[in-house]
Amino acid sequence: MDEFTEALIERVRAARAALRAAAESTDVLGTRGALDELESALQLAREHGVEVPPIGDGSSGRVGS
């Protein structure tokens, strides 16, 4: 895996974690910003053909733990 792909996957994982944290808070604007970042990272991955691991694969963006 090249550096770009690794960095992009990490960006998605970080965005998932930020969204999870924001959603658990009462920060509506923070939640919206975190969602925007996640959508941006996922779009970039699609545009470059990067397969992002799904949520629940043990990544830092895992939900429910």
Protein backbone atom coordinates (compact mmCIF):
# COMPACT_ATOMS: atom_id res chain seq x y z
CA MET A 1 0.00 0.00 0.00
CA ASP A 2 1.43 3.38 -0.96
CA GLU A 3 1.68 6.42 1.33
CA PHE A 4 -1.28 8.19 -0.27
CA THR A 5 -3.56 5.19 0.25
CA GLU A 6 -2.42 4.73 3.84
CA ALA A 7 -2.93 8.42 4.59
CA LEU A 8 -6.38 8.42 3.01
CA ILE A 9 -7.51 5.35 4.96
CA GLU A 10 -6.22 6.96 8.15
CA ARG A 11 -8.11 10.15 7.28
CA VAL A 12 -11.33 8.14 6.97
CA ARG A 13 -10.67 6.34 10.26
CA ALA A 14 -9.98 9.64 12.03
CA ALA A 15 -13.11 11.20 10.54
CA ARG A 16 -15.19 8.24 11.71
CA ALA A 17 -13.79 8.59 15.22
CA ALA A 18 -14.40 12.35 15.25
CA LEU A 19 -17.97 11.84 14.07
CA ARG A 20 -18.58 9.24 16.76
CA ALA A 21 -17.22 11.59 19.45
CA ALA A 22 -19.18 14.57 18.17
CA ALA A 23 -22.39 12.55 17.95
CA GLU A 24 -21.98 11.53 21.59
CA SER A 25 -21.71 15.19 22.60
CA THR A 26 -24.24 17.98 22.35
CA ASP A 27 -22.13 19.82 19.76
CA VAL A 28 -24.40 20.01 16.72
CA LEU A 29 -21.97 22.12 14.71
CA GLY A 30 -19.13 19.77 15.59
CA THR A 31 -21.21 16.83 14.42
CA ARG A 32 -21.96 18.57 11.13
CA GLY A 33 -18.29 19.39 10.61
CA ALA A 34 -17.23 15.83 11.41
CA LEU A 35 -19.82 14.47 8.99
CA ASP A 36 -18.61 16.84 6.28
CA GLU A 37 -15.02 15.66 6.81
CA LEU A 38 -16.06 12.00 6.62
CA GLU A 39 -18.03 12.59 3.44
CA SER A 40 -15.07 14.44 1.92
CA ALA A 41 -12.61 11.68 2.82
CA LEU A 42 -14.89 8.95 1.46
CA GLN A 43 -15.46 10.86 -1.77
CA LEU A 44 -11.72 11.27 -2.25
CA ALA A 45 -11.26 7.54 -1.67
CA ARG A 46 -13.90 6.73 -4.29
CA GLU A 47 -12.34 9.11 -6.80
CA HIS A 48 -8.96 7.41 -6.40
CA GLY A 49 -10.24 3.84 -6.26
CA VAL A 50 -9.15 3.34 -2.65
CA GLU A 51 -11.08 0.60 -0.86
CA VAL A 52 -11.74 1.75 2.70
CA PRO A 53 -12.16 -0.93 5.36
CA PRO A 54 -15.74 -1.10 6.65
CA ILE A 55 -16.71 0.05 10.11
CA GLY A 56 -16.34 -2.77 12.59
CA ASP A 57 -13.12 -4.22 11.16
CA GLY A 58 -11.10 -3.30 14.23
CA SER A 59 -10.15 0.14 12.95
CA SER A 60 -10.07 3.21 15.16
CA GLY A 61 -13.33 4.29 13.53
CA ARG A 62 -15.21 1.29 14.86
CA VAL A 63 -18.67 1.94 16.24
CA GLY A 64 -20.03 0.26 19.35
CA SER A 65 -16.92 -0.19 21.44
